[in-house]
Amino acid sequence: MTALREEGIETHILNNNPETVSTDYDTSDKLFFEPLTLEDVMNVIDREHPYGVMVQFGGQTSVNLAYP
């Protein structure tokens, strides 16, 4: 995330773990506290219209969302 922000790219994080929100708070430009389901992720994508999506350090749940 830091490298993307250094390049002027706005970054957003979707996080479903309330215990890590304090560490994610200043890591990205926007933080969405949402369940990691396809529907919830697509709602954020539809709202924010990102240039791309990166799956990172999310464990099996987020990796499974990468395909659909």
C-alpha atoms as a PDB file:
ATOM      1  CA  MET A   1       0.000   0.000   0.000  1.00  0.00           C
ATOM      2  CA  THR A   2       2.782   2.397   0.834  1.00  0.00           C
ATOM      3  CA  ALA A   3       4.408   2.051  -2.589  1.00  0.00           C
ATOM      4  CA  LEU A   4       1.073   2.681  -4.335  1.00  0.00           C
ATOM      5  CA  ARG A   5       0.404   5.776  -2.238  1.00  0.00           C
ATOM      6  CA  GLU A   6       3.916   7.063  -2.952  1.00  0.00           C
ATOM      7  CA  GLU A   7       3.028   6.863  -6.648  1.00  0.00           C
ATOM      8  CA  GLY A   8      -0.080   8.976  -6.049  1.00  0.00           C
ATOM      9  CA  ILE A   9      -2.504   6.072  -6.333  1.00  0.00           C
ATOM     10  CA  GLU A  10      -5.448   6.245  -3.926  1.00  0.00           C
ATOM     11  CA  THR A  11      -5.690   3.052  -1.905  1.00  0.00           C
ATOM     12  CA  HIS A  12      -8.643   1.481  -0.131  1.00  0.00           C
ATOM     13  CA  ILE A  13      -8.737  -1.458   2.263  1.00  0.00           C
ATOM     14  CA  LEU A  14     -11.666  -3.786   2.911  1.00  0.00           C
ATOM     15  CA  ASN A  15     -11.255  -5.397   6.290  1.00  0.00           C
ATOM     16  CA  ASN A  16     -13.563  -7.753   8.145  1.00  0.00           C
ATOM     17  CA  ASN A  17     -11.409  -8.109  11.255  1.00  0.00           C
ATOM     18  CA  PRO A  18     -12.190  -5.479  13.917  1.00  0.00           C
ATOM     19  CA  GLU A  19      -9.008  -6.295  15.829  1.00  0.00           C
ATOM     20  CA  THR A  20      -6.809  -4.978  13.003  1.00  0.00           C
ATOM     21  CA  VAL A  21      -8.743  -1.802  12.191  1.00  0.00           C
ATOM     22  CA  SER A  22      -6.437   0.235  14.418  1.00  0.00           C
ATOM     23  CA  THR A  23      -3.425  -0.911  12.385  1.00  0.00           C
ATOM     24  CA  ASP A  24      -5.164  -0.324   9.034  1.00  0.00           C
ATOM     25  CA  TYR A  25      -6.504   3.109   9.928  1.00  0.00           C
ATOM     26  CA  ASP A  26      -3.612   5.116   8.459  1.00  0.00           C
ATOM     27  CA  THR A  27      -2.396   2.506   5.975  1.00  0.00           C
ATOM     28  CA  SER A  28      -4.815   3.500   3.195  1.00  0.00           C
ATOM     29  CA  ASP A  29      -6.805   6.488   2.003  1.00  0.00           C
ATOM     30  CA  LYS A  30     -10.099   4.769   2.799  1.00  0.00           C
ATOM     31  CA  LEU A  31     -10.942   1.863   5.079  1.00  0.00           C
ATOM     32  CA  PHE A  32     -14.110  -0.154   4.634  1.00  0.00           C
ATOM     33  CA  PHE A  33     -15.125  -2.446   7.449  1.00  0.00           C
ATOM     34  CA  GLU A  34     -17.171  -5.006   5.516  1.00  0.00           C
ATOM     35  CA  PRO A  35     -17.702  -8.761   5.459  1.00  0.00           C
ATOM     36  CA  LEU A  36     -15.545 -10.448   2.846  1.00  0.00           C
ATOM     37  CA  THR A  37     -18.357 -11.712   0.660  1.00  0.00           C
ATOM     38  CA  LEU A  38     -18.586 -11.241  -3.079  1.00  0.00           C
ATOM     39  CA  GLU A  39     -21.715  -9.089  -2.708  1.00  0.00           C
ATOM     40  CA  ASP A  40     -20.169  -6.747  -0.139  1.00  0.00           C
ATOM     41  CA  VAL A  41     -16.904  -6.420  -2.050  1.00  0.00           C
ATOM     42  CA  MET A  42     -18.804  -5.687  -5.280  1.00  0.00           C
ATOM     43  CA  ASN A  43     -20.853  -3.010  -3.476  1.00  0.00           C
ATOM     44  CA  VAL A  44     -17.648  -1.193  -2.541  1.00  0.00           C
ATOM     45  CA  ILE A  45     -16.269  -1.626  -6.070  1.00  0.00           C
ATOM     46  CA  ASP A  46     -19.501  -0.254  -7.561  1.00  0.00           C
ATOM     47  CA  ARG A  47     -19.365   2.731  -5.210  1.00  0.00           C
ATOM     48  CA  GLU A  48     -15.669   3.568  -5.561  1.00  0.00           C
ATOM     49  CA  HIS A  49     -15.016   2.614  -9.225  1.00  0.00           C
ATOM     50  CA  PRO A  50     -11.399   1.529  -8.648  1.00  0.00           C
ATOM     51  CA  TYR A  51      -8.852   1.249 -11.437  1.00  0.00           C
ATOM     52  CA  GLY A  52      -8.003  -2.237 -10.187  1.00  0.00           C
ATOM     53  CA  VAL A  53      -8.277  -4.612  -7.265  1.00  0.00           C
ATOM     54  CA  MET A  54      -5.449  -6.312  -5.393  1.00  0.00           C
ATOM     55  CA  VAL A  55      -5.915  -9.254  -3.052  1.00  0.00           C
ATOM     56  CA  GLN A  56      -3.296  -9.094  -0.332  1.00  0.00           C
ATOM     57  CA  PHE A  57      -2.740 -10.869   2.974  1.00  0.00           C
ATOM     58  CA  GLY A  58      -6.362 -11.832   3.335  1.00  0.00           C
ATOM     59  CA  GLY A  59      -6.082 -15.530   3.872  1.00  0.00           C
ATOM     60  CA  GLN A  60      -8.203 -18.061   2.071  1.00  0.00           C
ATOM     61  CA  THR A  61     -11.415 -16.008   2.221  1.00  0.00           C
ATOM     62  CA  SER A  62     -10.064 -13.131   0.166  1.00  0.00           C
ATOM     63  CA  VAL A  63      -8.099 -15.435  -2.134  1.00  0.00           C
ATOM     64  CA  ASN A  64     -11.366 -17.239  -2.923  1.00  0.00           C
ATOM     65  CA  LEU A  65     -12.898 -13.875  -3.879  1.00  0.00           C
ATOM     66  CA  ALA A  66     -10.140 -13.135  -6.396  1.00  0.00           C
ATOM     67  CA  TYR A  67     -11.525 -15.505  -9.012  1.00  0.00           C
ATOM     68  CA  PRO A  68     -15.167 -14.303  -9.156  1.00  0.00           C
END
